[in-house]
Amino acid sequence: MSSTAVCEKSCIHGECVIPDKCLCSSGYKGPLCGEDVNECGLPERPCSQRCMNTHGSYRCYCEPGFTLGPDGSTCTRAAACSSPRCQFAFQMERGGEPRCLCPPGLHLAADNKTCEDVDECQRETDACPPRQRCRNTFGSFTCVCQDGFVTGTLKGSLRCRDKDECLTGSHRCSRHAQCVNTDGSYTCQCLGDYFGSGRTCWPRRAPQSKALMYFNYKLSRRTKTRPTPS
């Protein structure tokens, strides 16, 4: 792979291998690797029984009376006398009691049979690199760029770079203000003849000349001395 390849449009879930050609990560497809692969809909299903598609991956689970094998995809019939009707799988404890198990990314619910999603975004504060935020998915999580940043590639690796709102025109500055780009955001500065927040700018009142002041004075005197109609 060439480390100097440049793609005009950034590869979302993959890397740029040759000019304008993305190599997608597992679980993604499309010209920019932005489309999720539905593994459960493939001709060769990855699960022996039930399959649930997730963002960029999938999860296998079994029908009642079966247990999920160590490979995470094969279901085998459980002994009727020992099966606790777990949603996914179970194992026998030392005392001979069965205990339900959940795949990675899930945890056992209060009924001790079904599995619930683990929100990795709440458990792990540093789950994602800088400039990225965590988005929880069923059984897993994904990292997406924070507001003010866009997906890009640097030496073949996925990165979040600053979004230049001033260049793209996506800012909310007044037409009487100058947009100044900052890292992850922007500021608005009213032009010299205007003042305000930058998103809203008002014209400054120009000082009146002596001739204009005299004209306004004469006009006001004429208005005051005008006779009132009877």
C-alpha atoms as a PDB file:
ATOM      1  CA  MET A   1       0.000   0.000   0.000  1.00  0.00           C
ATOM      2  CA  SER A   2       1.162   3.503  -0.724  1.00  0.00           C
ATOM      3  CA  SER A   3       1.418   5.772   2.319  1.00  0.00           C
ATOM      4  CA  THR A   4       1.273   8.833   0.088  1.00  0.00           C
ATOM      5  CA  ALA A   5      -2.020   8.000  -1.637  1.00  0.00           C
ATOM      6  CA  VAL A   6      -4.489  10.874  -1.630  1.00  0.00           C
ATOM      7  CA  CYS A   7      -8.255  10.522  -1.940  1.00  0.00           C
ATOM      8  CA  GLU A   8     -10.226  13.619  -2.907  1.00  0.00           C
ATOM      9  CA  LYS A   9     -13.044  12.427  -0.621  1.00  0.00           C
ATOM     10  CA  SER A  10     -12.010  10.952   2.726  1.00  0.00           C
ATOM     11  CA  CYS A  11     -12.486   7.246   3.428  1.00  0.00           C
ATOM     12  CA  ILE A  12     -14.965   7.062   6.347  1.00  0.00           C
ATOM     13  CA  HIS A  13     -14.253   3.532   7.655  1.00  0.00           C
ATOM     14  CA  GLY A  14     -11.088   2.575   5.801  1.00  0.00           C
ATOM     15  CA  GLU A  15      -7.915   3.979   4.342  1.00  0.00           C
ATOM     16  CA  CYS A  16      -6.775   5.465   1.063  1.00  0.00           C
ATOM     17  CA  VAL A  17      -4.557   2.938  -0.744  1.00  0.00           C
ATOM     18  CA  ILE A  18      -4.261   4.472  -4.207  1.00  0.00           C
ATOM     19  CA  PRO A  19      -5.494   7.849  -5.487  1.00  0.00           C
ATOM     20  CA  ASP A  20      -9.291   7.990  -4.987  1.00  0.00           C
ATOM     21  CA  LYS A  21      -9.483   4.318  -3.948  1.00  0.00           C
ATOM     22  CA  CYS A  22     -10.504   3.277  -0.427  1.00  0.00           C
ATOM     23  CA  LEU A  23      -9.755  -0.030   1.288  1.00  0.00           C
ATOM     24  CA  CYS A  24     -12.669  -0.628   3.652  1.00  0.00           C
ATOM     25  CA  SER A  25     -12.361  -1.978   7.179  1.00  0.00           C
ATOM     26  CA  SER A  26     -14.134  -5.242   7.988  1.00  0.00           C
ATOM     27  CA  GLY A  27     -17.903  -4.718   8.173  1.00  0.00           C
ATOM     28  CA  TYR A  28     -18.052  -1.751   5.774  1.00  0.00           C
ATOM     29  CA  LYS A  29     -18.406  -1.265   2.025  1.00  0.00           C
ATOM     30  CA  GLY A  30     -19.015   1.419  -0.613  1.00  0.00           C
ATOM     31  CA  PRO A  31     -16.763   3.864  -2.513  1.00  0.00           C
ATOM     32  CA  LEU A  32     -16.018   5.791   0.712  1.00  0.00           C
ATOM     33  CA  CYS A  33     -16.494   2.837   3.105  1.00  0.00           C
ATOM     34  CA  GLY A  34     -19.512   4.536   4.658  1.00  0.00           C
ATOM     35  CA  GLU A  35     -22.042   1.719   4.157  1.00  0.00           C
ATOM     36  CA  ASP A  36     -22.582  -0.979   6.795  1.00  0.00           C
ATOM     37  CA  VAL A  37     -22.331  -4.600   5.592  1.00  0.00           C
ATOM     38  CA  ASN A  38     -25.365  -6.633   6.684  1.00  0.00           C
ATOM     39  CA  GLU A  39     -23.550  -9.869   7.461  1.00  0.00           C
ATOM     40  CA  CYS A  40     -26.848 -11.499   8.447  1.00  0.00           C
ATOM     41  CA  GLY A  41     -28.127 -11.042   4.883  1.00  0.00           C
ATOM     42  CA  LEU A  42     -25.148 -12.626   3.122  1.00  0.00           C
ATOM     43  CA  PRO A  43     -25.685 -15.923   1.214  1.00  0.00           C
ATOM     44  CA  GLU A  44     -23.379 -17.669   3.684  1.00  0.00           C
ATOM     45  CA  ARG A  45     -24.838 -16.675   7.035  1.00  0.00           C
ATOM     46  CA  PRO A  46     -22.237 -16.293   9.787  1.00  0.00           C
ATOM     47  CA  CYS A  47     -24.532 -17.744  12.464  1.00  0.00           C
ATOM     48  CA  SER A  48     -25.934 -21.252  12.655  1.00  0.00           C
ATOM     49  CA  GLN A  49     -29.281 -19.973  13.969  1.00  0.00           C
ATOM     50  CA  ARG A  50     -30.238 -16.369  14.717  1.00  0.00           C
ATOM     51  CA  CYS A  51     -28.210 -13.363  13.623  1.00  0.00           C
ATOM     52  CA  MET A  52     -28.429  -9.680  14.585  1.00  0.00           C
ATOM     53  CA  ASN A  53     -26.661  -7.098  12.446  1.00  0.00           C
ATOM     54  CA  THR A  54     -24.784  -4.311  14.272  1.00  0.00           C
ATOM     55  CA  HIS A  55     -22.926  -1.231  13.018  1.00  0.00           C
ATOM     56  CA  GLY A  56     -19.827  -2.639  11.351  1.00  0.00           C
ATOM     57  CA  SER A  57     -20.328  -6.142  12.756  1.00  0.00           C
ATOM     58  CA  TYR A  58     -22.963  -8.707  13.873  1.00  0.00           C
ATOM     59  CA  ARG A  59     -24.007 -10.898  16.826  1.00  0.00           C
ATOM     60  CA  CYS A  60     -25.131 -14.535  16.878  1.00  0.00           C
ATOM     61  CA  TYR A  61     -27.645 -15.974  19.333  1.00  0.00           C
ATOM     62  CA  CYS A  62     -29.551 -19.212  19.682  1.00  0.00           C
ATOM     63  CA  GLU A  63     -33.139 -20.388  19.809  1.00  0.00           C
ATOM     64  CA  PRO A  64     -34.573 -21.605  23.145  1.00  0.00           C
ATOM     65  CA  GLY A  65     -33.134 -24.976  24.035  1.00  0.00           C
ATOM     66  CA  PHE A  66     -29.788 -24.294  22.370  1.00  0.00           C
ATOM     67  CA  THR A  67     -26.577 -22.781  23.634  1.00  0.00           C
ATOM     68  CA  LEU A  68     -23.972 -20.689  21.792  1.00  0.00           C
ATOM     69  CA  GLY A  69     -20.630 -22.411  21.354  1.00  0.00           C
ATOM     70  CA  PRO A  70     -17.186 -20.987  22.106  1.00  0.00           C
ATOM     71  CA  ASP A  71     -16.759 -19.901  18.467  1.00  0.00           C
ATOM     72  CA  GLY A  72     -19.568 -17.367  18.948  1.00  0.00           C
ATOM     73  CA  SER A  73     -21.526 -18.609  15.918  1.00  0.00           C
ATOM     74  CA  THR A  74     -22.509 -22.268  16.379  1.00  0.00           C
ATOM     75  CA  CYS A  75     -25.534 -23.310  18.440  1.00  0.00           C
ATOM     76  CA  THR A  76     -25.759 -26.761  20.040  1.00  0.00           C
ATOM     77  CA  ARG A  77     -28.741 -28.384  21.704  1.00  0.00           C
ATOM     78  CA  ALA A  78     -28.675 -28.045  25.477  1.00  0.00           C
ATOM     79  CA  ALA A  79     -29.694 -30.840  27.780  1.00  0.00           C
ATOM     80  CA  ALA A  80     -33.336 -30.376  28.702  1.00  0.00           C
ATOM     81  CA  CYS A  81     -32.665 -31.073  32.361  1.00  0.00           C
ATOM     82  CA  SER A  82     -29.955 -28.464  32.691  1.00  0.00           C
ATOM     83  CA  SER A  83     -30.855 -25.672  30.243  1.00  0.00           C
ATOM     84  CA  PRO A  84     -31.981 -22.508  32.078  1.00  0.00           C
ATOM     85  CA  ARG A  85     -33.430 -21.130  28.782  1.00  0.00           C
ATOM     86  CA  CYS A  86     -30.710 -18.537  28.374  1.00  0.00           C
ATOM     87  CA  GLN A  87     -30.930 -16.072  25.505  1.00  0.00           C
ATOM     88  CA  PHE A  88     -27.382 -16.830  24.337  1.00  0.00           C
ATOM     89  CA  ALA A  89     -25.379 -19.451  26.215  1.00  0.00           C
ATOM     90  CA  PHE A  90     -24.721 -20.902  29.655  1.00  0.00           C
ATOM     91  CA  GLN A  91     -22.073 -22.737  31.595  1.00  0.00           C
ATOM     92  CA  MET A  92     -22.232 -25.141  34.537  1.00  0.00           C
ATOM     93  CA  GLU A  93     -20.888 -23.807  37.805  1.00  0.00           C
ATOM     94  CA  ARG A  94     -18.910 -25.959  40.246  1.00  0.00           C
ATOM     95  CA  GLY A  95     -21.992 -26.709  42.257  1.00  0.00           C
ATOM     96  CA  GLY A  96     -23.753 -28.075  39.166  1.00  0.00           C
ATOM     97  CA  GLU A  97     -25.952 -25.005  38.707  1.00  0.00           C
ATOM     98  CA  PRO A  98     -26.192 -23.497  35.203  1.00  0.00           C
ATOM     99  CA  ARG A  99     -25.349 -19.789  34.721  1.00  0.00           C
ATOM    100  CA  CYS A 100     -26.347 -17.777  31.661  1.00  0.00           C
ATOM    101  CA  LEU A 101     -23.593 -16.068  29.683  1.00  0.00           C
ATOM    102  CA  CYS A 102     -23.587 -13.022  27.394  1.00  0.00           C
ATOM    103  CA  PRO A 103     -21.342 -12.176  24.431  1.00  0.00           C
ATOM    104  CA  PRO A 104     -18.816  -9.324  24.728  1.00  0.00           C
ATOM    105  CA  GLY A 105     -20.559  -5.941  24.774  1.00  0.00           C
ATOM    106  CA  LEU A 106     -23.644  -7.337  26.569  1.00  0.00           C
ATOM    107  CA  HIS A 107     -24.370  -8.068  30.222  1.00  0.00           C
ATOM    108  CA  LEU A 108     -26.851 -10.279  32.036  1.00  0.00           C
ATOM    109  CA  ALA A 109     -30.206  -8.639  32.759  1.00  0.00           C
ATOM    110  CA  ALA A 110     -32.069  -8.787  36.066  1.00  0.00           C
ATOM    111  CA  ASP A 111     -33.925 -11.952  34.999  1.00  0.00           C
ATOM    112  CA  ASN A 112     -30.540 -13.757  34.771  1.00  0.00           C
ATOM    113  CA  LYS A 113     -31.546 -15.121  31.359  1.00  0.00           C
ATOM    114  CA  THR A 114     -31.548 -12.343  28.773  1.00  0.00           C
ATOM    115  CA  CYS A 115     -28.703 -10.039  27.801  1.00  0.00           C
ATOM    116  CA  GLU A 116     -28.702  -6.250  27.701  1.00  0.00           C
ATOM    117  CA  ASP A 117     -26.420  -3.847  25.889  1.00  0.00           C
ATOM    118  CA  VAL A 118     -23.417  -2.370  27.694  1.00  0.00           C
ATOM    119  CA  ASP A 119     -23.031   1.365  27.069  1.00  0.00           C
ATOM    120  CA  GLU A 120     -19.265   1.586  26.612  1.00  0.00           C
ATOM    121  CA  CYS A 121     -19.543   5.343  26.097  1.00  0.00           C
ATOM    122  CA  GLN A 122     -20.621   5.809  29.724  1.00  0.00           C
ATOM    123  CA  ARG A 123     -18.245   3.238  31.188  1.00  0.00           C
ATOM    124  CA  GLU A 124     -15.093   4.328  29.380  1.00  0.00           C
ATOM    125  CA  THR A 125     -14.436   8.060  29.291  1.00  0.00           C
ATOM    126  CA  ASP A 126     -11.392   7.595  27.022  1.00  0.00           C
ATOM    127  CA  ALA A 127     -12.932   5.047  24.660  1.00  0.00           C
ATOM    128  CA  CYS A 128     -12.195   7.255  21.641  1.00  0.00           C
ATOM    129  CA  PRO A 129      -9.111   9.237  20.536  1.00  0.00           C
ATOM    130  CA  PRO A 130      -8.962  13.050  20.820  1.00  0.00           C
ATOM    131  CA  ARG A 131     -11.337  15.008  18.562  1.00  0.00           C
ATOM    132  CA  GLN A 132     -13.675  12.004  18.454  1.00  0.00           C
ATOM    133  CA  ARG A 133     -16.769  11.184  20.497  1.00  0.00           C
ATOM    134  CA  CYS A 134     -18.184   7.800  21.400  1.00  0.00           C
ATOM    135  CA  ARG A 135     -21.455   6.566  19.874  1.00  0.00           C
ATOM    136  CA  ASN A 136     -22.948   3.475  21.487  1.00  0.00           C
ATOM    137  CA  THR A 137     -24.240   0.604  19.339  1.00  0.00           C
ATOM    138  CA  PHE A 138     -25.848  -2.697  20.331  1.00  0.00           C
ATOM    139  CA  GLY A 139     -23.051  -4.875  21.662  1.00  0.00           C
ATOM    140  CA  SER A 140     -20.310  -2.417  20.757  1.00  0.00           C
ATOM    141  CA  PHE A 141     -19.539   1.238  20.052  1.00  0.00           C
ATOM    142  CA  THR A 142     -18.067   3.408  17.321  1.00  0.00           C
ATOM    143  CA  CYS A 143     -16.057   6.619  17.328  1.00  0.00           C
ATOM    144  CA  VAL A 144     -17.184   9.582  15.229  1.00  0.00           C
ATOM    145  CA  CYS A 145     -15.726  13.055  14.792  1.00  0.00           C
ATOM    146  CA  GLN A 146     -16.831  15.726  17.237  1.00  0.00           C
ATOM    147  CA  ASP A 147     -18.807  18.722  16.013  1.00  0.00           C
ATOM    148  CA  GLY A 148     -16.462  21.082  14.216  1.00  0.00           C
ATOM    149  CA  PHE A 149     -14.301  18.282  12.816  1.00  0.00           C
ATOM    150  CA  VAL A 150     -14.594  16.116   9.696  1.00  0.00           C
ATOM    151  CA  THR A 151     -13.264  12.672   8.823  1.00  0.00           C
ATOM    152  CA  GLY A 152      -9.993  12.565   6.888  1.00  0.00           C
ATOM    153  CA  THR A 153      -6.937  10.395   6.380  1.00  0.00           C
ATOM    154  CA  LEU A 154      -3.348  11.018   7.379  1.00  0.00           C
ATOM    155  CA  LYS A 155      -0.732   8.564   6.071  1.00  0.00           C
ATOM    156  CA  GLY A 156      -3.425   5.990   5.502  1.00  0.00           C
ATOM    157  CA  SER A 157      -4.964   6.306   9.007  1.00  0.00           C
ATOM    158  CA  LEU A 158      -8.400   7.657   9.854  1.00  0.00           C
ATOM    159  CA  ARG A 159      -8.202  11.070  11.498  1.00  0.00           C
ATOM    160  CA  CYS A 160     -10.542  13.890  12.464  1.00  0.00           C
ATOM    161  CA  ARG A 161      -9.361  17.225  11.091  1.00  0.00           C
ATOM    162  CA  ASP A 162     -10.668  20.707  11.721  1.00  0.00           C
ATOM    163  CA  LYS A 163     -13.699  21.718   9.678  1.00  0.00           C
ATOM    164  CA  ASP A 164     -13.096  25.182   8.227  1.00  0.00           C
ATOM    165  CA  GLU A 165     -16.591  26.668   8.529  1.00  0.00           C
ATOM    166  CA  CYS A 166     -15.349  29.954   7.043  1.00  0.00           C
ATOM    167  CA  LEU A 167     -14.140  28.192   3.903  1.00  0.00           C
ATOM    168  CA  THR A 168     -17.189  25.957   3.444  1.00  0.00           C
ATOM    169  CA  GLY A 169     -19.680  28.744   4.212  1.00  0.00           C
ATOM    170  CA  SER A 170     -21.369  26.734   6.972  1.00  0.00           C
ATOM    171  CA  HIS A 171     -20.868  29.504   9.566  1.00  0.00           C
ATOM    172  CA  ARG A 172     -23.570  31.792  10.969  1.00  0.00           C
ATOM    173  CA  CYS A 173     -21.698  35.076  10.866  1.00  0.00           C
ATOM    174  CA  SER A 174     -23.465  38.250   9.764  1.00  0.00           C
ATOM    175  CA  ARG A 175     -22.811  39.416   6.222  1.00  0.00           C
ATOM    176  CA  HIS A 176     -21.310  42.484   7.867  1.00  0.00           C
ATOM    177  CA  ALA A 177     -18.818  40.369   9.836  1.00  0.00           C
ATOM    178  CA  GLN A 178     -15.603  38.487   9.160  1.00  0.00           C
ATOM    179  CA  CYS A 179     -15.460  34.749   9.900  1.00  0.00           C
ATOM    180  CA  VAL A 180     -12.299  33.603  11.706  1.00  0.00           C
ATOM    181  CA  ASN A 181     -11.670  29.841  11.793  1.00  0.00           C
ATOM    182  CA  THR A 182     -10.490  28.212  15.033  1.00  0.00           C
ATOM    183  CA  ASP A 183      -9.651  24.607  15.954  1.00  0.00           C
ATOM    184  CA  GLY A 184     -13.012  22.840  15.989  1.00  0.00           C
ATOM    185  CA  SER A 185     -15.049  26.040  15.733  1.00  0.00           C
ATOM    186  CA  TYR A 186     -14.992  29.667  14.510  1.00  0.00           C
ATOM    187  CA  THR A 187     -15.601  33.233  15.665  1.00  0.00           C
ATOM    188  CA  CYS A 188     -17.358  36.192  14.049  1.00  0.00           C
ATOM    189  CA  GLN A 189     -15.973  39.729  14.142  1.00  0.00           C
ATOM    190  CA  CYS A 190     -18.056  42.691  12.964  1.00  0.00           C
ATOM    191  CA  LEU A 191     -16.425  44.849  10.312  1.00  0.00           C
ATOM    192  CA  GLY A 192     -15.083  48.303  11.149  1.00  0.00           C
ATOM    193  CA  ASP A 193     -18.290  50.246  10.391  1.00  0.00           C
ATOM    194  CA  TYR A 194     -20.439  47.812  12.413  1.00  0.00           C
ATOM    195  CA  PHE A 195     -20.677  46.554  15.979  1.00  0.00           C
ATOM    196  CA  GLY A 196     -22.356  43.611  17.694  1.00  0.00           C
ATOM    197  CA  SER A 197     -21.865  39.933  18.496  1.00  0.00           C
ATOM    198  CA  GLY A 198     -20.585  39.027  15.054  1.00  0.00           C
ATOM    199  CA  ARG A 199     -23.615  36.934  14.264  1.00  0.00           C
ATOM    200  CA  THR A 200     -25.628  40.131  14.378  1.00  0.00           C
ATOM    201  CA  CYS A 201     -24.016  43.460  13.432  1.00  0.00           C
ATOM    202  CA  TRP A 202     -25.474  46.975  13.501  1.00  0.00           C
ATOM    203  CA  PRO A 203     -24.065  50.030  11.655  1.00  0.00           C
ATOM    204  CA  ARG A 204     -22.241  52.573  13.760  1.00  0.00           C
ATOM    205  CA  ARG A 205     -23.790  56.077  13.711  1.00  0.00           C
ATOM    206  CA  ALA A 206     -21.454  58.412  11.820  1.00  0.00           C
ATOM    207  CA  PRO A 207     -20.867  61.820  13.552  1.00  0.00           C
ATOM    208  CA  GLN A 208     -23.002  64.535  11.950  1.00  0.00           C
ATOM    209  CA  SER A 209     -21.231  67.315  10.099  1.00  0.00           C
ATOM    210  CA  LYS A 210     -21.789  70.938  11.204  1.00  0.00           C
ATOM    211  CA  ALA A 211     -23.772  71.672   8.019  1.00  0.00           C
ATOM    212  CA  LEU A 212     -26.066  68.694   8.685  1.00  0.00           C
ATOM    213  CA  MET A 213     -26.516  69.708  12.327  1.00  0.00           C
ATOM    214  CA  TYR A 214     -27.455  73.287  11.255  1.00  0.00           C
ATOM    215  CA  PHE A 215     -29.927  71.951   8.666  1.00  0.00           C
ATOM    216  CA  ASN A 216     -31.626  69.733  11.268  1.00  0.00           C
ATOM    217  CA  TYR A 217     -31.763  72.690  13.682  1.00  0.00           C
ATOM    218  CA  LYS A 218     -33.454  74.977  11.127  1.00  0.00           C
ATOM    219  CA  LEU A 219     -35.878  72.201  10.194  1.00  0.00           C
ATOM    220  CA  SER A 220     -36.883  71.695  13.817  1.00  0.00           C
ATOM    221  CA  ARG A 221     -37.376  75.494  14.305  1.00  0.00           C
ATOM    222  CA  ARG A 222     -39.550  75.710  11.204  1.00  0.00           C
ATOM    223  CA  THR A 223     -41.678  72.844  12.479  1.00  0.00           C
ATOM    224  CA  LYS A 224     -42.157  74.510  15.886  1.00  0.00           C
ATOM    225  CA  THR A 225     -43.109  77.955  14.471  1.00  0.00           C
ATOM    226  CA  ARG A 226     -45.523  76.625  11.843  1.00  0.00           C
ATOM    227  CA  PRO A 227     -49.010  78.131  12.634  1.00  0.00           C
ATOM    228  CA  THR A 228     -51.600  75.719  13.847  1.00  0.00           C
ATOM    229  CA  PRO A 229     -54.664  75.556  11.518  1.00  0.00           C
ATOM    230  CA  SER A 230     -57.846  76.845  13.167  1.00  0.00           C
END
